[in-house]
C-alpha atoms as a PDB file:
ATOM      1  CA  MET A   1     -10.161  25.291  33.475  1.00  0.00           C
ATOM      2  CA  ALA A   2      -6.653  23.866  36.131  1.00  0.00           C
ATOM      3  CA  GLU A   3      -8.348  20.877  36.816  1.00  0.00           C
ATOM      4  CA  MET A   4      -8.757  19.748  33.629  1.00  0.00           C
ATOM      5  CA  PHE A   5      -5.736  20.663  32.774  1.00  0.00           C
ATOM      6  CA  SER A   6      -3.883  18.866  34.795  1.00  0.00           C
ATOM      7  CA  ALA A   7      -6.617  16.105  33.481  1.00  0.00           C
ATOM      8  CA  GLY A   8      -4.353  16.973  30.858  1.00  0.00           C
ATOM      9  CA  ILE A   9      -1.608  16.423  31.242  1.00  0.00           C
ATOM     10  CA  PHE A  10      -1.890  13.109  33.336  1.00  0.00           C
ATOM     11  CA  GLY A  11      -3.240  11.253  30.963  1.00  0.00           C
ATOM     12  CA  PHE A  12      -0.774  12.023  28.340  1.00  0.00           C
ATOM     13  CA  ILE A  13       2.181  11.018  31.036  1.00  0.00           C
ATOM     14  CA  ALA A  14       0.137   8.207  31.917  1.00  0.00           C
ATOM     15  CA  VAL A  15      -0.037   7.095  27.431  1.00  0.00           C
ATOM     16  CA  GLY A  16       3.671   7.973  27.802  1.00  0.00           C
ATOM     17  CA  PHE A  17       4.247   5.673  30.501  1.00  0.00           C
ATOM     18  CA  LEU A  18       2.070   2.966  29.577  1.00  0.00           C
ATOM     19  CA  PHE A  19       4.348   3.312  25.382  1.00  0.00           C
ATOM     20  CA  TYR A  20       7.279   2.851  28.147  1.00  0.00           C
ATOM     21  CA  VAL A  21       6.665  -0.223  29.103  1.00  0.00           C
ATOM     22  CA  TRP A  22       4.798  -1.785  25.996  1.00  0.00           C
ATOM     23  CA  SER A  23       8.251  -1.399  24.384  1.00  0.00           C
ATOM     24  CA  ILE A  24      10.447  -2.802  26.696  1.00  0.00           C
ATOM     25  CA  GLY A  25       7.895  -5.771  26.159  1.00  0.00           C
ATOM     26  CA  TRP A  26       8.564  -5.613  22.804  1.00  0.00           C
ATOM     27  CA  ALA A  27      11.775  -5.139  22.387  1.00  0.00           C
ATOM     28  CA  TYR A  28      12.064  -8.519  24.907  1.00  0.00           C
ATOM     29  CA  GLN A  29       9.902 -10.230  22.440  1.00  0.00           C
ATOM     30  CA  ASP A  30      10.980  -9.849  19.326  1.00  0.00           C
ATOM     31  CA  ALA A  31      15.227  -9.651  20.517  1.00  0.00           C
ATOM     32  CA  LYS A  32      13.599 -12.636  21.911  1.00  0.00           C
ATOM     33  CA  GLN A  33      12.141 -13.699  18.517  1.00  0.00           C
ATOM     34  CA  ARG A  34      15.760 -12.741  16.461  1.00  0.00           C
ATOM     35  CA  GLY A  35      17.783 -14.894  18.254  1.00  0.00           C
ATOM     36  CA  LYS A  36      19.043 -11.917  20.910  1.00  0.00           C
ATOM     37  CA  PRO A  37      19.281 -12.290  24.439  1.00  0.00           C
ATOM     38  CA  PRO A  38      15.541 -11.373  25.461  1.00  0.00           C
ATOM     39  CA  LEU A  39      16.883  -9.620  28.498  1.00  0.00           C
ATOM     40  CA  ALA A  40      19.478  -7.924  27.767  1.00  0.00           C
ATOM     41  CA  VAL A  41      18.076  -6.243  25.098  1.00  0.00           C
ATOM     42  CA  ALA A  42      15.217  -5.156  27.242  1.00  0.00           C
ATOM     43  CA  LEU A  43      17.334  -3.634  30.036  1.00  0.00           C
ATOM     44  CA  MET A  44      19.063  -1.844  27.180  1.00  0.00           C
ATOM     45  CA  VAL A  45      15.223  -0.357  25.625  1.00  0.00           C
ATOM     46  CA  MET A  46      14.348   0.356  29.613  1.00  0.00           C
ATOM     47  CA  PHE A  47      17.848   2.166  30.620  1.00  0.00           C
ATOM     48  CA  GLY A  48      19.236   3.489  27.592  1.00  0.00           C
ATOM     49  CA  ALA A  49      17.654   7.136  27.273  1.00  0.00           C
ATOM     50  CA  TRP A  50      14.702   6.201  26.171  1.00  0.00           C
ATOM     51  CA  PRO A  51      13.528   6.288  23.449  1.00  0.00           C
ATOM     52  CA  MET A  52      17.233   6.407  22.484  1.00  0.00           C
ATOM     53  CA  GLY A  53      17.205   2.966  23.803  1.00  0.00           C
ATOM     54  CA  LEU A  54      14.428   2.086  21.367  1.00  0.00           C
ATOM     55  CA  ILE A  55      15.325   3.536  18.115  1.00  0.00           C
ATOM     56  CA  ILE A  56      19.117   1.897  18.804  1.00  0.00           C
ATOM     57  CA  TRP A  57      17.700  -1.335  19.364  1.00  0.00           C
ATOM     58  CA  VAL A  58      15.390  -1.178  16.268  1.00  0.00           C
ATOM     59  CA  ALA A  59      18.556   0.361  14.195  1.00  0.00           C
ATOM     60  CA  LEU A  60      20.495  -2.389  14.819  1.00  0.00           C
ATOM     61  CA  ARG A  61      19.036  -5.916  15.575  1.00  0.00           C
ATOM     62  CA  PRO A  62      19.665  -8.772  13.217  1.00  0.00           C
ATOM     63  CA  GLY A  63      17.331 -10.374  10.067  1.00  0.00           C
ATOM     64  CA  ARG A  64      14.554 -12.455  11.301  1.00  0.00           C
ATOM     65  CA  ARG A  65      16.060 -16.323  12.955  1.00  0.00           C
ATOM     66  CA  ARG A  66      15.326 -19.261  10.115  1.00  0.00           C
ATOM     67  CA  PRO A  67      13.498 -22.697  11.248  1.00  0.00           C
ATOM     68  CA  PRO A  68      15.299 -25.260  12.130  1.00  0.00           C
ATOM     69  CA  PHE A  69      13.889 -26.844   8.260  1.00  0.00           C
ATOM     70  CA  ASN A  70      11.312 -26.430   5.500  1.00  0.00           C
ATOM     71  CA  LEU A  71       8.142 -27.028   5.514  1.00  0.00           C
ATOM     72  CA  GLU A  72       8.495 -27.480   2.166  1.00  0.00           C
ATOM     73  CA  ASP A  73      10.033 -31.010   2.862  1.00  0.00           C
ATOM     74  CA  PHE A  74       7.411 -32.034   4.641  1.00  0.00           C
ATOM     75  CA  ARG A  75       4.581 -31.167   2.361  1.00  0.00           C
ATOM     76  CA  ARG A  76       2.757 -33.435   0.119  1.00  0.00           C
ATOM     77  CA  HIS A  77       3.036 -33.282  -3.803  1.00  0.00           C
END
């Protein structure tokens, strides 16, 4: 019984750690797409009393960056 409990605790911690690492990578890529310094955002998520750093980034992140050109300009009519 104690072995099952230990395995359950280990599994819970492992899933939490994987989500923690995934959220840092996601924040890095999201910041890069939005034109913000990705390393600074990843560090904020990593060291910002997780998950508070992630919540702060999601709440304060800017809108997506617009492409430098409009694809409609290059399509034939």
